[in-house]
Amino acid sequence: MGRVMEELTSGASGRIIPVFRRALILIYSSLIWFFLLFGRTRGLASADGPSQPKSLRRRSRWIEEEEDTLRRRALAEALQMLPSSEERDNHNCRCTSSLFFGVRRNALFCRSWFPTAGNLRGIIIIIHGLNEHGGRYTDFAKQLTSCNFGVYAMDWIGHGGSDGLHGFVPSLDHVVADTSAFLDKIKLEHPAIPCFLFGHSTGGAVVLKAASYPHIKQMLEGIILTSPALRVTPAHPVVGVVAPIFSLLAPRFQFKGANKRGIPVSRDPAQLHAKYSDPLVYTGPIRVRTGHEILRITSYLTRNFKSVTVPFFVLHGTADRVTDPLASQDLYNKASSEFKDIKLYEGYLHDLLFEPEREEIGQDIINWMEKRLASSVYLEKTV
């Protein structure tokens, strides 16, 4: 039986679903073409004054973005990386933040959490979802370090404390490439430690595509996907036709009708409030290029489920109205991976690690990594 999916909510990745209507498309098309051919951009000179040269407009926009990036980076650096003052006093976890320069030399804000005692069993690299940031995963990181796993989290371009216009993703392939480069760096620093990639929502799509490359796959013990953005489809075929055009002509343009507040992503009211009051979480309308990139990467992944060979664990709530749990089931059914698992949580929503049962879900992930590590050791002994 088909599932009725609702509009894309601010701060969470998912389907580009009934947000575009035929009339809305026609209106936006007319406005954009008029804007591009005859209009002037907002924020230029007043109506009775001369317009600014294009170079000045570009510089003004660059300064504005730089100021916004510095503001967000200061907020990211000030964010507490342990969930309680008591745990900070106990010093059972070593936390650091740093900048990593991506493949396009853009500065990406990164965090790490490592246990201060015991042998390191593995490292998990967190790739957050659309519009959020790695600092939201502090509780999960603490749970992992308590089981002797090290944790890294990297904010995408345009997210958290990283460079770029807030909420704007020029290419998800750039995020995939940055993830690959970050993994390379971590493996150089910890060559003997098993590594896992974790991705939530659109971050899950990024991780799945990254792991499709042989040189990435060989560095990984496996990947974990929570509520991955797979099989995302436009509301109308016209959207699929015009989205690439709009993406090229007006990539930063915001579809003000494309985000609808109110779709719950957690059953915990405190977690919902924390997310949408977080200044590092982008809650503005989705930008044209960002939406097109989600459609593009998920279309590629859906066509290539059968080619997936990396060990993976996919987790999804059956009541998720942002991404589709049936697509996760299809990934599990069709993937060629020899080591794969799926867990569907009845009645749970999109942000699994922010649900009331988050500790149990976190433990499911830890148990899977332990099972995967035990399997790898067994295989090594039998070869």
Protein backbone atom coordinates (compact mmCIF):
# COMPACT_ATOMS: atom_id res chain seq x y z
CA MET A 1 0.00 0.00 0.00
CA GLY A 2 1.40 3.41 -0.93
CA ARG A 3 2.53 5.80 1.74
CA VAL A 4 1.47 9.43 1.80
CA MET A 5 4.56 11.53 2.48
CA GLU A 6 4.29 15.12 3.66
CA GLU A 7 6.20 18.28 2.86
CA LEU A 8 9.90 18.70 3.51
CA THR A 9 10.40 20.26 6.91
CA SER A 10 12.99 22.86 7.77
CA GLY A 11 16.13 21.43 9.31
CA ALA A 12 15.62 17.88 8.10
CA SER A 13 16.48 16.29 4.80
CA GLY A 14 13.97 14.17 2.99
CA ARG A 15 11.61 14.04 0.09
CA ILE A 16 11.09 16.96 -2.18
CA ILE A 17 7.42 16.09 -2.08
CA PRO A 18 4.19 17.87 -2.43
CA VAL A 19 5.83 21.27 -2.05
CA PHE A 20 5.82 22.19 -5.72
CA ARG A 21 2.46 22.59 -7.36
CA ARG A 22 1.90 23.29 -11.06
CA ALA A 23 0.74 26.81 -10.39
CA LEU A 24 3.63 27.48 -8.04
CA ILE A 25 6.08 26.23 -10.64
CA LEU A 26 4.62 28.48 -13.31
CA ILE A 27 4.69 31.49 -11.01
CA TYR A 28 8.26 30.88 -9.95
CA SER A 29 9.30 30.20 -13.54
CA SER A 30 7.86 33.49 -14.70
CA LEU A 31 9.34 35.42 -11.82
CA ILE A 32 12.80 33.94 -12.23
CA TRP A 33 12.95 34.47 -15.98
CA PHE A 34 11.71 38.05 -15.55
CA PHE A 35 14.20 38.52 -12.73
CA LEU A 36 17.09 37.17 -14.80
CA LEU A 37 16.28 38.92 -18.06
CA PHE A 38 14.86 42.27 -16.98
CA GLY A 39 15.03 42.66 -13.22
CA ARG A 40 17.63 43.74 -10.72
CA THR A 41 18.79 41.74 -7.74
CA ARG A 42 17.54 42.66 -4.31
CA GLY A 43 19.81 44.72 -2.16
CA LEU A 44 21.24 46.82 -4.98
CA ALA A 45 20.94 50.54 -5.24
CA SER A 46 17.60 52.16 -4.53
CA ALA A 47 15.13 52.70 -7.35
CA ASP A 48 16.18 56.32 -7.85
CA GLY A 49 19.91 55.60 -7.75
CA PRO A 50 22.42 53.86 -10.05
CA SER A 51 22.90 50.12 -9.75
CA GLN A 52 26.15 48.75 -8.33
CA PRO A 53 28.68 47.11 -10.64
CA LYS A 54 28.52 43.32 -10.71
CA SER A 55 31.96 43.02 -9.10
CA LEU A 56 30.84 45.14 -6.13
CA ARG A 57 27.69 43.09 -5.71
CA ARG A 58 29.74 39.92 -5.76
CA ARG A 59 32.19 41.31 -3.20
CA SER A 60 29.35 42.49 -0.98
CA ARG A 61 27.80 39.04 -1.06
CA TRP A 62 31.18 37.43 -0.28
CA ILE A 63 31.69 39.72 2.74
CA GLU A 64 28.20 38.92 3.99
CA GLU A 65 28.84 35.18 3.70
CA GLU A 66 32.22 35.49 5.41
CA GLU A 67 30.66 37.35 8.32
CA ASP A 68 27.95 34.73 8.63
CA THR A 69 30.54 31.92 8.52
CA LEU A 70 32.63 33.54 11.26
CA ARG A 71 29.52 34.01 13.40
CA ARG A 72 28.52 30.37 12.99
CA ARG A 73 32.09 29.18 13.62
CA ALA A 74 32.22 31.11 16.89
CA LEU A 75 28.95 29.47 17.93
CA ALA A 76 30.30 26.04 16.96
CA GLU A 77 33.48 26.56 18.95
CA ALA A 78 31.49 27.66 22.00
CA LEU A 79 29.25 24.59 21.89
CA GLN A 80 29.77 22.21 24.81
CA MET A 81 31.10 18.89 23.55
CA LEU A 82 30.10 16.88 26.61
CA PRO A 83 26.49 16.61 27.72
CA SER A 84 26.94 17.46 31.41
CA SER A 85 29.29 19.39 33.70
CA GLU A 86 29.78 16.25 35.80
CA GLU A 87 31.12 14.30 32.82
CA ARG A 88 33.39 17.21 31.88
CA ASP A 89 34.81 17.16 35.40
CA ASN A 90 35.42 13.41 35.26
CA HIS A 91 37.63 13.80 32.16
CA ASN A 92 36.71 10.34 30.86
CA CYS A 93 36.49 11.70 27.34
CA ARG A 94 38.94 13.89 25.45
CA CYS A 95 37.22 16.38 23.16
CA THR A 96 38.74 18.62 20.51
CA SER A 97 37.63 20.81 17.62
CA SER A 98 39.60 21.74 14.54
CA LEU A 99 39.38 22.89 10.93
CA PHE A 100 39.87 20.51 8.02
CA PHE A 101 40.37 21.87 4.52
CA GLY A 102 38.24 20.06 1.97
CA VAL A 103 38.98 19.20 -1.63
CA ARG A 104 38.12 22.74 -2.75
CA ARG A 105 40.19 24.25 0.09
CA ASN A 106 37.04 25.21 1.98
CA ALA A 107 37.42 25.16 5.77
CA LEU A 108 35.25 22.51 7.41
CA PHE A 109 34.58 22.52 11.14
CA CYS A 110 35.32 19.18 12.81
CA ARG A 111 34.94 17.69 16.27
CA SER A 112 36.37 14.60 17.92
CA TRP A 113 35.64 12.63 21.06
CA PHE A 114 38.04 9.95 22.30
CA PRO A 115 38.09 7.83 25.46
CA THR A 116 40.97 8.64 27.81
CA ALA A 117 41.47 5.06 28.98
CA GLY A 118 41.32 1.57 27.48
CA ASN A 119 42.16 0.21 24.06
CA LEU A 120 40.50 1.95 21.13
CA ARG A 121 38.21 -0.58 19.44
CA GLY A 122 37.27 1.49 16.41
CA ILE A 123 36.51 4.93 15.04
CA ILE A 124 33.17 6.16 13.75
CA ILE A 125 32.92 9.24 11.52
CA ILE A 126 29.59 11.08 11.72
CA ILE A 127 28.18 12.77 8.60
CA HIS A 128 25.15 14.75 9.76
CA GLY A 129 21.91 15.37 7.87
CA LEU A 130 20.82 18.32 5.77
CA ASN A 131 20.56 21.64 7.66
CA GLU A 132 22.01 20.35 10.95
CA HIS A 133 25.60 19.96 12.25
CA GLY A 134 27.92 17.49 13.96
CA GLY A 135 27.66 19.12 17.38
CA ARG A 136 24.13 17.75 17.75
CA TYR A 137 25.58 14.26 18.19
CA THR A 138 27.34 14.91 21.50
CA ASP A 139 25.19 12.44 23.48
CA PHE A 140 25.73 9.71 20.89
CA ALA A 141 29.48 10.44 20.88
CA LYS A 142 29.60 10.08 24.67
CA GLN A 143 27.79 6.75 24.44
CA LEU A 144 30.32 5.56 21.85
CA THR A 145 33.38 6.67 23.83
CA SER A 146 32.04 4.86 26.91
CA CYS A 147 32.37 1.68 24.82
CA ASN A 148 35.90 2.64 23.70
CA PHE A 149 35.04 3.93 20.24
CA GLY A 150 36.58 7.16 19.00
CA VAL A 151 34.31 9.62 17.21
CA TYR A 152 34.80 12.32 14.57
CA ALA A 153 32.11 14.62 13.16
CA MET A 154 32.54 16.89 10.14
CA ASP A 155 30.19 19.77 9.31
CA TRP A 156 29.41 19.93 5.60
CA ILE A 157 30.06 22.99 3.51
CA GLY A 158 27.38 25.59 4.30
CA HIS A 159 26.55 23.90 7.60
CA GLY A 160 27.48 24.34 11.25
CA GLY A 161 30.86 26.02 11.63
CA SER A 162 32.04 25.32 8.08
CA ASP A 163 32.59 27.72 5.18
CA GLY A 164 29.79 28.59 2.79
CA LEU A 165 26.39 30.20 2.60
CA HIS A 166 24.23 28.73 5.35
CA GLY A 167 22.03 25.94 3.98
CA PHE A 168 23.52 26.11 0.48
CA VAL A 169 25.11 22.97 -0.99
CA PRO A 170 26.69 23.65 -4.39
CA SER A 171 27.24 19.92 -4.93
CA LEU A 172 26.68 16.85 -2.79
CA ASP A 173 29.53 15.30 -4.75
CA HIS A 174 31.74 17.88 -3.05
CA VAL A 175 30.46 16.59 0.31
CA VAL A 176 31.22 13.03 -0.82
CA ALA A 177 34.75 14.09 -1.83
CA ASP A 178 35.28 15.94 1.47
CA THR A 179 34.13 12.84 3.36
CA SER A 180 36.62 10.75 1.41
CA ALA A 181 39.47 13.18 2.11
CA PHE A 182 38.56 13.34 5.81
CA LEU A 183 38.57 9.53 6.02
CA ASP A 184 41.99 9.50 4.32
CA LYS A 185 43.32 11.86 6.98
CA ILE A 186 41.92 9.79 9.83
CA LYS A 187 43.32 6.54 8.44
CA LEU A 188 46.76 8.16 8.16
CA GLU A 189 46.56 9.19 11.81
CA HIS A 190 45.11 5.85 13.00
CA PRO A 191 46.29 3.25 10.45
CA ALA A 192 45.58 0.20 12.61
CA ILE A 193 42.15 1.22 13.91
CA PRO A 194 38.98 -0.05 12.14
CA CYS A 195 36.81 2.77 10.78
CA PHE A 196 33.07 3.10 10.23
CA LEU A 197 31.13 5.82 8.43
CA PHE A 198 27.82 6.94 9.92
CA GLY A 199 25.33 9.04 7.93
CA HIS A 200 21.94 10.43 8.88
CA SER A 201 19.26 11.27 6.27
CA THR A 202 20.95 13.11 3.37
CA GLY A 203 24.22 12.36 5.19
CA GLY A 204 23.28 8.70 4.74
CA ALA A 205 23.05 9.24 0.98
CA VAL A 206 26.49 10.89 1.07
CA VAL A 207 27.97 7.98 3.01
CA LEU A 208 26.40 5.37 0.75
CA LYS A 209 27.77 7.05 -2.36
CA ALA A 210 31.22 7.51 -0.80
CA ALA A 211 31.34 3.81 0.10
CA SER A 212 30.56 2.89 -3.52
CA TYR A 213 34.12 3.85 -4.48
CA PRO A 214 36.57 0.93 -4.05
CA HIS A 215 39.32 3.02 -2.44
CA ILE A 216 36.84 4.23 0.20
CA LYS A 217 35.27 0.84 0.78
CA GLN A 218 38.66 -0.77 1.46
CA MET A 219 39.28 1.69 4.31
CA LEU A 220 36.00 0.83 6.02
CA GLU A 221 34.72 -1.96 8.21
CA GLY A 222 31.20 -0.87 7.35
CA ILE A 223 28.68 1.96 7.24
CA ILE A 224 25.67 2.84 9.38
CA LEU A 225 22.69 4.68 7.87
CA THR A 226 19.89 6.20 9.95
CA SER A 227 16.78 7.33 8.06
CA PRO A 228 18.73 7.63 4.79
CA ALA A 229 17.40 9.89 2.05
CA LEU A 230 16.82 7.36 -0.73
CA ARG A 231 14.38 7.31 -3.65
CA VAL A 232 13.52 10.99 -3.21
CA THR A 233 11.09 12.02 -5.93
CA PRO A 234 9.63 15.36 -7.07
CA ALA A 235 5.91 15.97 -6.65
CA HIS A 236 5.42 16.43 -10.39
CA PRO A 237 7.46 15.40 -13.47
CA VAL A 238 7.74 19.08 -14.42
CA VAL A 239 9.88 19.64 -11.32
CA GLY A 240 12.41 17.10 -12.57
CA VAL A 241 12.62 19.01 -15.85
CA VAL A 242 12.92 22.55 -14.47
CA ALA A 243 15.04 21.79 -11.39
CA PRO A 244 18.34 21.42 -13.34
CA ILE A 245 17.61 24.68 -15.20
CA PHE A 246 16.78 26.62 -12.03
CA SER A 247 19.81 25.05 -10.33
CA LEU A 248 22.09 26.58 -12.97
CA LEU A 249 20.37 29.93 -13.37
CA ALA A 250 19.39 30.73 -9.79
CA PRO A 251 21.14 28.20 -7.52
CA ARG A 252 20.73 30.20 -4.30
CA PHE A 253 17.10 31.08 -4.88
CA GLN A 254 14.88 29.94 -2.01
CA PHE A 255 11.54 28.25 -2.60
CA LYS A 256 9.61 29.82 0.22
CA GLY A 257 6.85 27.27 -0.22
CA ALA A 258 9.26 24.34 -0.14
CA ASN A 259 9.66 23.96 3.61
CA LYS A 260 6.73 23.43 5.88
CA ARG A 261 7.08 23.71 9.62
CA GLY A 262 5.27 21.26 11.80
CA ILE A 263 6.28 17.84 10.54
CA PRO A 264 7.62 16.17 13.68
CA VAL A 265 11.04 14.55 13.42
CA SER A 266 11.14 13.32 17.04
CA ARG A 267 8.57 12.22 19.60
CA ASP A 268 10.54 14.06 22.29
CA PRO A 269 9.28 17.68 22.55
CA ALA A 270 12.49 18.82 24.26
CA GLN A 271 14.56 17.51 21.35
CA LEU A 272 12.33 19.27 18.83
CA HIS A 273 12.70 22.55 20.70
CA ALA A 274 16.48 22.09 20.98
CA LYS A 275 16.81 21.46 17.25
CA TYR A 276 14.74 24.34 15.95
CA SER A 277 16.09 26.86 18.47
CA ASP A 278 19.68 25.93 17.60
CA PRO A 279 21.22 28.85 15.64
CA LEU A 280 23.52 26.39 13.85
CA VAL A 281 20.53 24.51 12.42
CA TYR A 282 19.37 26.07 9.15
CA THR A 283 15.62 26.65 9.19
CA GLY A 284 15.20 28.82 6.10
CA PRO A 285 13.54 27.81 2.83
CA ILE A 286 15.41 25.21 0.82
CA ARG A 287 17.63 26.60 -1.92
CA VAL A 288 17.15 25.52 -5.53
CA ARG A 289 20.59 23.96 -5.99
CA THR A 290 20.37 22.13 -2.66
CA GLY A 291 17.02 20.59 -3.58
CA HIS A 292 18.28 19.60 -7.02
CA GLU A 293 21.37 17.97 -5.50
CA ILE A 294 19.18 15.83 -3.23
CA LEU A 295 17.11 14.70 -6.22
CA ARG A 296 20.26 13.97 -8.22
CA ILE A 297 22.21 11.93 -5.66
CA THR A 298 19.21 9.90 -4.51
CA SER A 299 18.25 9.12 -8.10
CA TYR A 300 21.76 7.79 -8.69
CA LEU A 301 21.69 5.67 -5.53
CA THR A 302 18.25 4.22 -6.24
CA ARG A 303 19.38 3.08 -9.69
CA ASN A 304 22.39 1.37 -8.15
CA PHE A 305 21.08 -0.46 -5.07
CA LYS A 306 22.22 -3.79 -6.55
CA SER A 307 25.81 -2.57 -6.87
CA VAL A 308 26.14 -1.88 -3.12
CA THR A 309 28.71 -4.30 -1.67
CA VAL A 310 29.92 -2.52 1.47
CA PRO A 311 28.85 -4.02 4.84
CA PHE A 312 26.02 -1.86 6.17
CA PHE A 313 23.40 -1.46 8.87
CA VAL A 314 20.34 0.62 7.98
CA LEU A 315 17.94 1.87 10.67
CA HIS A 316 14.60 3.59 10.00
CA GLY A 317 11.45 4.55 11.86
CA THR A 318 8.25 3.25 10.27
CA ALA A 319 6.43 6.52 11.02
CA ASP A 320 9.09 8.70 9.38
CA ARG A 321 7.37 11.31 7.20
CA VAL A 322 10.58 12.94 5.95
CA THR A 323 12.38 10.01 4.34
CA ASP A 324 10.92 6.70 3.22
CA PRO A 325 11.47 3.53 5.29
CA LEU A 326 10.33 1.43 2.32
CA ALA A 327 13.33 2.72 0.37
CA SER A 328 15.61 1.51 3.18
CA GLN A 329 13.92 -1.88 2.94
CA ASP A 330 14.53 -1.93 -0.81
CA LEU A 331 18.19 -1.09 -0.26
CA TYR A 332 18.49 -4.01 2.14
CA ASN A 333 16.66 -6.39 -0.21
CA LYS A 334 18.58 -5.45 -3.36
CA ALA A 335 22.11 -4.72 -2.12
CA SER A 336 24.77 -7.29 -2.96
CA SER A 337 26.56 -6.85 0.37
CA GLU A 338 27.32 -10.13 2.10
CA PHE A 339 27.20 -8.50 5.53
CA LYS A 340 24.07 -6.36 5.86
CA ASP A 341 21.39 -5.72 8.46
CA ILE A 342 18.25 -3.64 8.78
CA LYS A 343 16.15 -2.59 11.75
CA LEU A 344 12.79 -0.85 11.40
CA TYR A 345 11.49 0.81 14.56
CA GLU A 346 7.70 0.68 14.75
CA GLY A 347 6.19 4.14 15.21
CA TYR A 348 9.52 5.99 15.44
CA LEU A 349 10.13 9.23 13.55
CA HIS A 350 12.96 10.68 11.45
CA ASP A 351 15.66 11.75 13.94
CA LEU A 352 16.25 8.34 15.48
CA LEU A 353 19.13 9.42 17.70
CA PHE A 354 16.92 12.14 19.18
CA GLU A 355 13.94 9.92 19.92
CA PRO A 356 13.09 9.03 23.56
CA GLU A 357 14.65 5.58 22.93
CA ARG A 358 17.93 7.06 21.59
CA GLU A 359 20.14 5.16 24.05
CA GLU A 360 18.69 1.83 22.91
CA ILE A 361 19.13 2.84 19.27
CA GLY A 362 22.71 3.90 19.99
CA GLN A 363 23.31 0.53 21.63
CA ASP A 364 21.92 -1.24 18.55
CA ILE A 365 24.54 0.59 16.48
CA ILE A 366 27.33 -0.31 18.92
CA ASN A 367 26.21 -3.96 18.94
CA TRP A 368 26.30 -4.04 15.15
CA MET A 369 29.81 -2.59 15.02
CA GLU A 370 30.96 -5.15 17.59
CA LYS A 371 29.38 -7.93 15.52
CA ARG A 372 31.08 -6.60 12.41
CA LEU A 373 34.47 -6.39 14.12
CA ALA A 374 34.09 -9.94 15.47
CA SER A 375 33.22 -11.15 11.97
CA SER A 376 36.30 -9.43 10.51
CA VAL A 377 38.58 -11.04 13.11
CA TYR A 378 37.06 -14.46 12.39
CA LEU A 379 37.55 -14.02 8.64
CA GLU A 380 41.19 -12.99 9.16
CA LYS A 381 41.83 -16.12 11.21
CA THR A 382 40.24 -18.42 8.64
CA VAL A 383 41.99 -16.96 5.59
